[in-house]
Amino acid sequence: MAAVLLLAGCRQDMQDQPKFFPQRGTTFPGMSGRSVRPQVENTVARNQMHEDEYFYTGLVDGKEGDGLPIALTPEVMARGQERYNIYCTPCHSRVGNGQGMIVQRGYRPAGDFQEPYLLEKAHLGHFFNVMTNGYGAMPDYSAQLTPEDRWAIVAYIKALQLSQNAKPGDVPAGKKVEDLHAIAAKEGMLPGFAEPWPKPSTAVYGTPTGQDDGIPGQPLGAASPAGKAHYGQAATQGSGTPDNGAQKPAPGNDASGRPAAVQ
């Protein structure tokens, strides 16, 4: 019994064992008063070997760049389309007009890639930066998409923009442009399939007070003009009037703003 009591008195829990604490000094011999040893020369921590800053951030000296740091190949475009269809279409839709299925069910309108700012002014680095860090109601997708996939999606977004703003000169020689209405009728689609996509009145724009969330082209915190929408072509909250964001048909497009088929 005395031995048992003696052993119990010598108990030492793991949390009480001798150990080094990060960033604390020590009197342990041979450590020069440091609790951690210096890193081996030229050591690079995980995810820190970013020699090409633009490739990993989309930024040049803190500003959004406008170059594609990967080779543009058919394989890259196919990969960008695949990743876009998986991660982007729920909000932005297959054609990038910001009218994806969850927006149609009441989620905040997503960016319309045909909106003037995104179509004419936004650099390639802007799209990459948004996917990396998020923007407004959009969360970041850096965990789901590698940097290579994000750049592939950027390339595919530019293809979507071209498809909605094509000119006769963009059609390859010998190819014929067929109207989407005719294709829909021939394929037996439901009436209205080729018509503009209306934005549902349940789609909410901005905050409950009608303020913006830092949308380009409008000062932060400024109220959205009544009846006018931008960067998503949504109706102003509470207006009850959906704005379908229909665009003027361009050569090679049908009246819905979708790309006409090329044969």
C-alpha atoms as a PDB file:
ATOM      1  CA  MET A   1       0.000   0.000   0.000  1.00  0.00           C
ATOM      2  CA  ALA A   2       2.795   2.390   0.862  1.00  0.00           C
ATOM      3  CA  ALA A   3       4.423   1.713  -2.533  1.00  0.00           C
ATOM      4  CA  VAL A   4       1.179   2.476  -4.377  1.00  0.00           C
ATOM      5  CA  LEU A   5       0.767   5.758  -2.553  1.00  0.00           C
ATOM      6  CA  LEU A   6       4.372   6.638  -3.296  1.00  0.00           C
ATOM      7  CA  LEU A   7       3.950   5.981  -7.058  1.00  0.00           C
ATOM      8  CA  ALA A   8       0.727   8.030  -7.142  1.00  0.00           C
ATOM      9  CA  GLY A   9       2.559  10.947  -5.672  1.00  0.00           C
ATOM     10  CA  CYS A  10       5.125  10.795  -8.507  1.00  0.00           C
ATOM     11  CA  ARG A  11       2.503  11.168 -11.287  1.00  0.00           C
ATOM     12  CA  GLN A  12       3.303  13.742 -13.971  1.00  0.00           C
ATOM     13  CA  ASP A  13       0.647  14.733 -16.556  1.00  0.00           C
ATOM     14  CA  MET A  14       1.627  15.361 -20.187  1.00  0.00           C
ATOM     15  CA  GLN A  15       0.621  19.011 -19.990  1.00  0.00           C
ATOM     16  CA  ASP A  16       3.094  19.454 -17.173  1.00  0.00           C
ATOM     17  CA  GLN A  17       6.052  17.757 -18.850  1.00  0.00           C
ATOM     18  CA  PRO A  18       9.193  19.746 -19.623  1.00  0.00           C
ATOM     19  CA  LYS A  19       9.001  21.241 -23.119  1.00  0.00           C
ATOM     20  CA  PHE A  20       9.866  24.314 -25.159  1.00  0.00           C
ATOM     21  CA  PHE A  21       7.287  27.018 -25.775  1.00  0.00           C
ATOM     22  CA  PRO A  22       7.433  28.893 -29.128  1.00  0.00           C
ATOM     23  CA  GLN A  23       9.082  32.306 -28.948  1.00  0.00           C
ATOM     24  CA  ARG A  24      10.160  31.783 -25.340  1.00  0.00           C
ATOM     25  CA  GLY A  25      13.688  31.633 -24.038  1.00  0.00           C
ATOM     26  CA  THR A  26      15.285  28.585 -22.455  1.00  0.00           C
ATOM     27  CA  THR A  27      18.174  27.717 -20.193  1.00  0.00           C
ATOM     28  CA  PHE A  28      18.714  24.354 -21.853  1.00  0.00           C
ATOM     29  CA  PRO A  29      22.429  23.861 -22.546  1.00  0.00           C
ATOM     30  CA  GLY A  30      23.571  24.423 -26.126  1.00  0.00           C
ATOM     31  CA  MET A  31      20.501  26.391 -27.263  1.00  0.00           C
ATOM     32  CA  SER A  32      21.974  29.895 -26.761  1.00  0.00           C
ATOM     33  CA  GLY A  33      18.883  30.861 -24.817  1.00  0.00           C
ATOM     34  CA  ARG A  34      16.524  30.111 -27.758  1.00  0.00           C
ATOM     35  CA  SER A  35      13.660  27.625 -27.663  1.00  0.00           C
ATOM     36  CA  VAL A  36      13.762  27.082 -31.447  1.00  0.00           C
ATOM     37  CA  ARG A  37      16.651  26.542 -33.797  1.00  0.00           C
ATOM     38  CA  PRO A  38      17.209  28.900 -36.752  1.00  0.00           C
ATOM     39  CA  GLN A  39      15.854  27.670 -40.088  1.00  0.00           C
ATOM     40  CA  VAL A  40      18.314  26.027 -42.391  1.00  0.00           C
ATOM     41  CA  GLU A  41      19.644  28.533 -44.907  1.00  0.00           C
ATOM     42  CA  ASN A  42      17.394  28.946 -48.010  1.00  0.00           C
ATOM     43  CA  THR A  43      14.493  27.171 -46.309  1.00  0.00           C
ATOM     44  CA  VAL A  44      11.106  27.996 -47.902  1.00  0.00           C
ATOM     45  CA  ALA A  45       7.908  27.375 -45.969  1.00  0.00           C
ATOM     46  CA  ARG A  46       4.979  25.632 -47.585  1.00  0.00           C
ATOM     47  CA  ASN A  47       2.967  27.878 -49.950  1.00  0.00           C
ATOM     48  CA  GLN A  48       5.602  30.611 -49.744  1.00  0.00           C
ATOM     49  CA  MET A  49       7.654  29.819 -52.834  1.00  0.00           C
ATOM     50  CA  HIS A  50       5.757  32.279 -55.018  1.00  0.00           C
ATOM     51  CA  GLU A  51       8.501  33.550 -57.279  1.00  0.00           C
ATOM     52  CA  ASP A  52       5.923  34.755 -59.831  1.00  0.00           C
ATOM     53  CA  GLU A  53       3.796  37.085 -57.730  1.00  0.00           C
ATOM     54  CA  TYR A  54       1.400  37.876 -60.567  1.00  0.00           C
ATOM     55  CA  PHE A  55       0.654  34.199 -61.191  1.00  0.00           C
ATOM     56  CA  TYR A  56      -0.461  33.716 -57.587  1.00  0.00           C
ATOM     57  CA  THR A  57      -2.177  37.069 -56.973  1.00  0.00           C
ATOM     58  CA  GLY A  58      -3.176  38.654 -60.275  1.00  0.00           C
ATOM     59  CA  LEU A  59      -1.523  41.831 -58.989  1.00  0.00           C
ATOM     60  CA  VAL A  60       1.454  43.848 -60.189  1.00  0.00           C
ATOM     61  CA  ASP A  61       2.764  46.302 -57.595  1.00  0.00           C
ATOM     62  CA  GLY A  62      -0.559  46.002 -55.806  1.00  0.00           C
ATOM     63  CA  LYS A  63      -2.664  46.705 -58.906  1.00  0.00           C
ATOM     64  CA  GLU A  64      -4.639  44.270 -61.040  1.00  0.00           C
ATOM     65  CA  GLY A  65      -2.618  43.192 -64.055  1.00  0.00           C
ATOM     66  CA  ASP A  66      -3.839  42.461 -67.546  1.00  0.00           C
ATOM     67  CA  GLY A  67      -1.813  39.503 -68.772  1.00  0.00           C
ATOM     68  CA  LEU A  68      -2.425  35.761 -68.918  1.00  0.00           C
ATOM     69  CA  PRO A  69       0.543  34.047 -67.220  1.00  0.00           C
ATOM     70  CA  ILE A  70      -0.234  30.621 -68.686  1.00  0.00           C
ATOM     71  CA  ALA A  71      -0.177  29.359 -72.247  1.00  0.00           C
ATOM     72  CA  LEU A  72      -3.566  29.654 -73.946  1.00  0.00           C
ATOM     73  CA  THR A  73      -4.277  26.237 -75.429  1.00  0.00           C
ATOM     74  CA  PRO A  74      -7.427  24.248 -76.281  1.00  0.00           C
ATOM     75  CA  GLU A  75      -6.740  22.133 -73.206  1.00  0.00           C
ATOM     76  CA  VAL A  76      -6.643  25.217 -70.974  1.00  0.00           C
ATOM     77  CA  MET A  77      -9.924  26.483 -72.437  1.00  0.00           C
ATOM     78  CA  ALA A  78     -11.565  23.090 -71.922  1.00  0.00           C
ATOM     79  CA  ARG A  79     -10.334  23.000 -68.331  1.00  0.00           C
ATOM     80  CA  GLY A  80     -11.578  26.537 -67.734  1.00  0.00           C
ATOM     81  CA  GLN A  81     -15.004  25.648 -69.110  1.00  0.00           C
ATOM     82  CA  GLU A  82     -15.197  22.543 -66.932  1.00  0.00           C
ATOM     83  CA  ARG A  83     -14.218  24.381 -63.741  1.00  0.00           C
ATOM     84  CA  TYR A  84     -16.483  27.326 -64.608  1.00  0.00           C
ATOM     85  CA  ASN A  85     -19.478  25.051 -65.132  1.00  0.00           C
ATOM     86  CA  ILE A  86     -18.848  23.406 -61.766  1.00  0.00           C
ATOM     87  CA  TYR A  87     -18.116  26.379 -59.520  1.00  0.00           C
ATOM     88  CA  CYS A  88     -19.394  29.506 -61.305  1.00  0.00           C
ATOM     89  CA  THR A  89     -22.648  28.640 -63.060  1.00  0.00           C
ATOM     90  CA  PRO A  90     -24.820  28.432 -59.902  1.00  0.00           C
ATOM     91  CA  CYS A  91     -24.522  32.229 -59.631  1.00  0.00           C
ATOM     92  CA  HIS A  92     -23.246  33.514 -62.991  1.00  0.00           C
ATOM     93  CA  SER A  93     -25.097  31.020 -65.274  1.00  0.00           C
ATOM     94  CA  ARG A  94     -23.635  29.087 -68.195  1.00  0.00           C
ATOM     95  CA  VAL A  95     -23.458  32.219 -70.359  1.00  0.00           C
ATOM     96  CA  GLY A  96     -22.135  34.533 -67.644  1.00  0.00           C
ATOM     97  CA  ASN A  97     -25.103  36.890 -67.401  1.00  0.00           C
ATOM     98  CA  GLY A  98     -25.346  36.706 -63.602  1.00  0.00           C
ATOM     99  CA  GLN A  99     -28.672  34.881 -63.648  1.00  0.00           C
ATOM    100  CA  GLY A 100     -27.699  31.496 -62.284  1.00  0.00           C
ATOM    101  CA  MET A 101     -30.138  29.136 -60.603  1.00  0.00           C
ATOM    102  CA  ILE A 102     -29.535  30.299 -57.036  1.00  0.00           C
ATOM    103  CA  VAL A 103     -29.969  33.924 -58.130  1.00  0.00           C
ATOM    104  CA  GLN A 104     -33.291  32.936 -59.684  1.00  0.00           C
ATOM    105  CA  ARG A 105     -34.230  31.573 -56.279  1.00  0.00           C
ATOM    106  CA  GLY A 106     -33.520  34.782 -54.374  1.00  0.00           C
ATOM    107  CA  TYR A 107     -29.762  35.002 -53.844  1.00  0.00           C
ATOM    108  CA  ARG A 108     -27.993  38.312 -54.393  1.00  0.00           C
ATOM    109  CA  PRO A 109     -27.447  38.923 -58.142  1.00  0.00           C
ATOM    110  CA  ALA A 110     -24.049  37.875 -59.400  1.00  0.00           C
ATOM    111  CA  GLY A 111     -21.773  39.829 -61.718  1.00  0.00           C
ATOM    112  CA  ASP A 112     -22.857  40.013 -65.350  1.00  0.00           C
ATOM    113  CA  PHE A 113     -19.749  39.590 -67.488  1.00  0.00           C
ATOM    114  CA  GLN A 114     -21.404  41.713 -70.205  1.00  0.00           C
ATOM    115  CA  GLU A 115     -21.718  44.667 -67.821  1.00  0.00           C
ATOM    116  CA  PRO A 116     -19.647  47.543 -69.283  1.00  0.00           C
ATOM    117  CA  TYR A 117     -17.079  47.622 -66.482  1.00  0.00           C
ATOM    118  CA  LEU A 118     -16.331  43.900 -66.637  1.00  0.00           C
ATOM    119  CA  LEU A 119     -16.503  43.837 -70.421  1.00  0.00           C
ATOM    120  CA  GLU A 120     -14.415  46.894 -71.248  1.00  0.00           C
ATOM    121  CA  LYS A 121     -12.359  47.981 -68.224  1.00  0.00           C
ATOM    122  CA  ALA A 122     -11.708  45.040 -65.913  1.00  0.00           C
ATOM    123  CA  HIS A 123      -8.239  43.551 -66.325  1.00  0.00           C
ATOM    124  CA  LEU A 124      -7.621  39.825 -66.344  1.00  0.00           C
ATOM    125  CA  GLY A 125      -6.110  40.151 -62.894  1.00  0.00           C
ATOM    126  CA  HIS A 126      -9.448  41.436 -61.600  1.00  0.00           C
ATOM    127  CA  PHE A 127     -11.227  38.149 -62.283  1.00  0.00           C
ATOM    128  CA  PHE A 128      -8.354  36.167 -60.763  1.00  0.00           C
ATOM    129  CA  ASN A 129      -8.248  38.433 -57.706  1.00  0.00           C
ATOM    130  CA  VAL A 130     -11.988  38.070 -57.132  1.00  0.00           C
ATOM    131  CA  MET A 131     -11.791  34.279 -57.319  1.00  0.00           C
ATOM    132  CA  THR A 132      -8.819  34.329 -54.939  1.00  0.00           C
ATOM    133  CA  ASN A 133     -10.133  36.746 -52.297  1.00  0.00           C
ATOM    134  CA  GLY A 134     -13.875  37.011 -52.889  1.00  0.00           C
ATOM    135  CA  TYR A 135     -15.874  40.151 -53.637  1.00  0.00           C
ATOM    136  CA  GLY A 136     -19.049  41.504 -52.019  1.00  0.00           C
ATOM    137  CA  ALA A 137     -21.412  38.575 -51.475  1.00  0.00           C
ATOM    138  CA  MET A 138     -19.124  36.237 -53.416  1.00  0.00           C
ATOM    139  CA  PRO A 139     -16.834  34.097 -51.244  1.00  0.00           C
ATOM    140  CA  ASP A 140     -13.317  33.239 -52.289  1.00  0.00           C
ATOM    141  CA  TYR A 141     -12.639  30.030 -54.212  1.00  0.00           C
ATOM    142  CA  SER A 142      -8.929  29.709 -53.506  1.00  0.00           C
ATOM    143  CA  ALA A 143      -9.509  26.435 -51.644  1.00  0.00           C
ATOM    144  CA  GLN A 144     -11.533  24.911 -54.474  1.00  0.00           C
ATOM    145  CA  LEU A 145      -9.493  26.176 -57.414  1.00  0.00           C
ATOM    146  CA  THR A 146      -5.743  26.026 -57.921  1.00  0.00           C
ATOM    147  CA  PRO A 147      -4.054  29.121 -59.381  1.00  0.00           C
ATOM    148  CA  GLU A 148      -3.784  27.304 -62.732  1.00  0.00           C
ATOM    149  CA  ASP A 149      -7.535  26.590 -62.725  1.00  0.00           C
ATOM    150  CA  ARG A 150      -8.368  30.170 -61.781  1.00  0.00           C
ATOM    151  CA  TRP A 151      -6.397  31.457 -64.768  1.00  0.00           C
ATOM    152  CA  ALA A 152      -8.085  28.867 -66.989  1.00  0.00           C
ATOM    153  CA  ILE A 153     -11.458  30.181 -65.835  1.00  0.00           C
ATOM    154  CA  VAL A 154     -10.323  33.742 -66.564  1.00  0.00           C
ATOM    155  CA  ALA A 155      -9.545  32.695 -70.136  1.00  0.00           C
ATOM    156  CA  TYR A 156     -12.943  31.039 -70.466  1.00  0.00           C
ATOM    157  CA  ILE A 157     -14.726  34.123 -69.106  1.00  0.00           C
ATOM    158  CA  LYS A 158     -13.124  36.166 -71.875  1.00  0.00           C
ATOM    159  CA  ALA A 159     -14.455  33.594 -74.359  1.00  0.00           C
ATOM    160  CA  LEU A 160     -17.955  34.021 -72.887  1.00  0.00           C
ATOM    161  CA  GLN A 161     -17.675  37.780 -73.270  1.00  0.00           C
ATOM    162  CA  LEU A 162     -16.658  37.386 -76.901  1.00  0.00           C
ATOM    163  CA  SER A 163     -19.528  35.000 -77.535  1.00  0.00           C
ATOM    164  CA  GLN A 164     -22.017  37.656 -76.394  1.00  0.00           C
ATOM    165  CA  ASN A 165     -20.385  40.453 -78.366  1.00  0.00           C
ATOM    166  CA  ALA A 166     -19.300  38.645 -81.513  1.00  0.00           C
ATOM    167  CA  LYS A 167     -18.972  40.420 -84.842  1.00  0.00           C
ATOM    168  CA  PRO A 168     -19.308  38.952 -88.328  1.00  0.00           C
ATOM    169  CA  GLY A 169     -15.539  39.030 -88.667  1.00  0.00           C
ATOM    170  CA  ASP A 170     -15.224  36.670 -85.679  1.00  0.00           C
ATOM    171  CA  VAL A 171     -17.043  33.884 -87.521  1.00  0.00           C
ATOM    172  CA  PRO A 172     -14.587  31.467 -89.177  1.00  0.00           C
ATOM    173  CA  ALA A 173     -14.607  31.426 -92.956  1.00  0.00           C
ATOM    174  CA  GLY A 174     -17.115  28.978 -94.391  1.00  0.00           C
ATOM    175  CA  LYS A 175     -19.226  28.852 -91.219  1.00  0.00           C
ATOM    176  CA  LYS A 176     -22.872  29.894 -91.100  1.00  0.00           C
ATOM    177  CA  VAL A 177     -24.561  31.624 -88.167  1.00  0.00           C
ATOM    178  CA  GLU A 178     -27.955  30.173 -87.287  1.00  0.00           C
ATOM    179  CA  ASP A 179     -30.494  32.011 -85.132  1.00  0.00           C
ATOM    180  CA  LEU A 180     -31.087  30.455 -81.722  1.00  0.00           C
ATOM    181  CA  HIS A 181     -34.863  30.758 -82.130  1.00  0.00           C
ATOM    182  CA  ALA A 182     -34.720  28.534 -85.185  1.00  0.00           C
ATOM    183  CA  ILE A 183     -32.538  26.014 -83.357  1.00  0.00           C
ATOM    184  CA  ALA A 184     -34.898  25.979 -80.350  1.00  0.00           C
ATOM    185  CA  ALA A 185     -37.907  25.357 -82.581  1.00  0.00           C
ATOM    186  CA  LYS A 186     -36.102  22.604 -84.485  1.00  0.00           C
ATOM    187  CA  GLU A 187     -35.013  20.910 -81.241  1.00  0.00           C
ATOM    188  CA  GLY A 188     -38.518  21.070 -79.767  1.00  0.00           C
ATOM    189  CA  MET A 189     -37.633  23.381 -76.881  1.00  0.00           C
ATOM    190  CA  LEU A 190     -40.332  24.981 -74.768  1.00  0.00           C
ATOM    191  CA  PRO A 191     -41.734  28.357 -75.895  1.00  0.00           C
ATOM    192  CA  GLY A 192     -39.586  31.230 -74.670  1.00  0.00           C
ATOM    193  CA  PHE A 193     -36.401  29.140 -74.485  1.00  0.00           C
ATOM    194  CA  ALA A 194     -34.556  31.591 -76.736  1.00  0.00           C
ATOM    195  CA  GLU A 195     -36.027  34.721 -75.149  1.00  0.00           C
ATOM    196  CA  PRO A 196     -34.201  37.017 -72.685  1.00  0.00           C
ATOM    197  CA  TRP A 197     -33.821  35.658 -69.176  1.00  0.00           C
ATOM    198  CA  PRO A 198     -35.838  37.827 -66.766  1.00  0.00           C
ATOM    199  CA  LYS A 199     -34.415  38.580 -63.348  1.00  0.00           C
ATOM    200  CA  PRO A 200     -36.932  37.385 -60.705  1.00  0.00           C
ATOM    201  CA  SER A 201     -38.355  39.954 -58.340  1.00  0.00           C
ATOM    202  CA  THR A 202     -37.048  37.846 -55.448  1.00  0.00           C
ATOM    203  CA  ALA A 203     -33.445  38.600 -56.433  1.00  0.00           C
ATOM    204  CA  VAL A 204     -32.078  41.046 -53.864  1.00  0.00           C
ATOM    205  CA  TYR A 205     -29.641  43.788 -54.856  1.00  0.00           C
ATOM    206  CA  GLY A 206     -27.267  45.267 -52.317  1.00  0.00           C
ATOM    207  CA  THR A 207     -28.115  45.531 -48.659  1.00  0.00           C
ATOM    208  CA  PRO A 208     -31.486  45.950 -46.929  1.00  0.00           C
ATOM    209  CA  THR A 209     -30.881  49.712 -47.019  1.00  0.00           C
ATOM    210  CA  GLY A 210     -30.312  49.675 -50.781  1.00  0.00           C
ATOM    211  CA  GLN A 211     -26.601  50.369 -50.416  1.00  0.00           C
ATOM    212  CA  ASP A 212     -23.918  48.890 -52.594  1.00  0.00           C
ATOM    213  CA  ASP A 213     -21.184  46.508 -51.486  1.00  0.00           C
ATOM    214  CA  GLY A 214     -18.296  48.173 -53.259  1.00  0.00           C
ATOM    215  CA  ILE A 215     -19.381  47.570 -56.847  1.00  0.00           C
ATOM    216  CA  PRO A 216     -16.986  49.179 -59.370  1.00  0.00           C
ATOM    217  CA  GLY A 217     -18.375  52.347 -60.859  1.00  0.00           C
ATOM    218  CA  GLN A 218     -20.271  53.410 -57.751  1.00  0.00           C
ATOM    219  CA  PRO A 219     -18.855  54.890 -54.525  1.00  0.00           C
ATOM    220  CA  LEU A 220     -18.887  52.556 -51.555  1.00  0.00           C
ATOM    221  CA  GLY A 221     -22.048  53.019 -49.511  1.00  0.00           C
ATOM    222  CA  ALA A 222     -23.880  54.974 -52.189  1.00  0.00           C
ATOM    223  CA  ALA A 223     -27.491  54.035 -52.710  1.00  0.00           C
ATOM    224  CA  SER A 224     -28.337  52.346 -55.975  1.00  0.00           C
ATOM    225  CA  PRO A 225     -30.445  54.645 -58.208  1.00  0.00           C
ATOM    226  CA  ALA A 226     -34.087  53.622 -58.222  1.00  0.00           C
ATOM    227  CA  GLY A 227     -34.972  51.399 -61.123  1.00  0.00           C
ATOM    228  CA  LYS A 228     -31.370  51.182 -62.317  1.00  0.00           C
ATOM    229  CA  ALA A 229     -29.082  48.231 -61.861  1.00  0.00           C
ATOM    230  CA  HIS A 230     -25.495  47.568 -62.739  1.00  0.00           C
ATOM    231  CA  TYR A 231     -22.810  44.900 -62.324  1.00  0.00           C
ATOM    232  CA  GLY A 232     -25.380  42.139 -62.279  1.00  0.00           C
ATOM    233  CA  GLN A 233     -28.322  43.820 -64.015  1.00  0.00           C
ATOM    234  CA  ALA A 234     -30.556  43.337 -60.992  1.00  0.00           C
ATOM    235  CA  ALA A 235     -33.641  45.222 -59.968  1.00  0.00           C
ATOM    236  CA  THR A 236     -33.297  47.737 -57.144  1.00  0.00           C
ATOM    237  CA  GLN A 237     -34.476  46.080 -53.962  1.00  0.00           C
ATOM    238  CA  GLY A 238     -38.076  46.808 -53.186  1.00  0.00           C
ATOM    239  CA  SER A 239     -38.848  48.183 -56.636  1.00  0.00           C
ATOM    240  CA  GLY A 240     -40.824  45.080 -57.556  1.00  0.00           C
ATOM    241  CA  THR A 241     -39.711  45.571 -61.121  1.00  0.00           C
ATOM    242  CA  PRO A 242     -37.273  42.983 -62.393  1.00  0.00           C
ATOM    243  CA  ASP A 243     -34.663  44.150 -64.836  1.00  0.00           C
ATOM    244  CA  ASN A 244     -33.806  41.365 -67.244  1.00  0.00           C
ATOM    245  CA  GLY A 245     -30.588  43.030 -68.299  1.00  0.00           C
ATOM    246  CA  ALA A 246     -31.260  42.222 -71.955  1.00  0.00           C
ATOM    247  CA  GLN A 247     -28.566  43.415 -74.312  1.00  0.00           C
ATOM    248  CA  LYS A 248     -28.843  44.680 -77.827  1.00  0.00           C
ATOM    249  CA  PRO A 249     -28.315  41.807 -80.233  1.00  0.00           C
ATOM    250  CA  ALA A 250     -24.913  41.965 -81.860  1.00  0.00           C
ATOM    251  CA  PRO A 251     -24.002  40.291 -85.121  1.00  0.00           C
ATOM    252  CA  GLY A 252     -23.665  36.636 -84.338  1.00  0.00           C
ATOM    253  CA  ASN A 253     -26.102  36.906 -81.369  1.00  0.00           C
ATOM    254  CA  ASP A 254     -29.803  36.304 -81.148  1.00  0.00           C
ATOM    255  CA  ALA A 255     -32.340  38.561 -79.437  1.00  0.00           C
ATOM    256  CA  SER A 256     -31.816  36.836 -76.105  1.00  0.00           C
ATOM    257  CA  GLY A 257     -28.223  37.952 -75.937  1.00  0.00           C
ATOM    258  CA  ARG A 258     -27.049  34.354 -76.153  1.00  0.00           C
ATOM    259  CA  PRO A 259     -24.567  33.366 -78.832  1.00  0.00           C
ATOM    260  CA  ALA A 260     -26.153  32.126 -81.998  1.00  0.00           C
ATOM    261  CA  ALA A 261     -24.998  28.722 -83.097  1.00  0.00           C
ATOM    262  CA  VAL A 262     -22.260  28.482 -85.674  1.00  0.00           C
ATOM    263  CA  GLN A 263     -22.323  25.674 -88.154  1.00  0.00           C
END
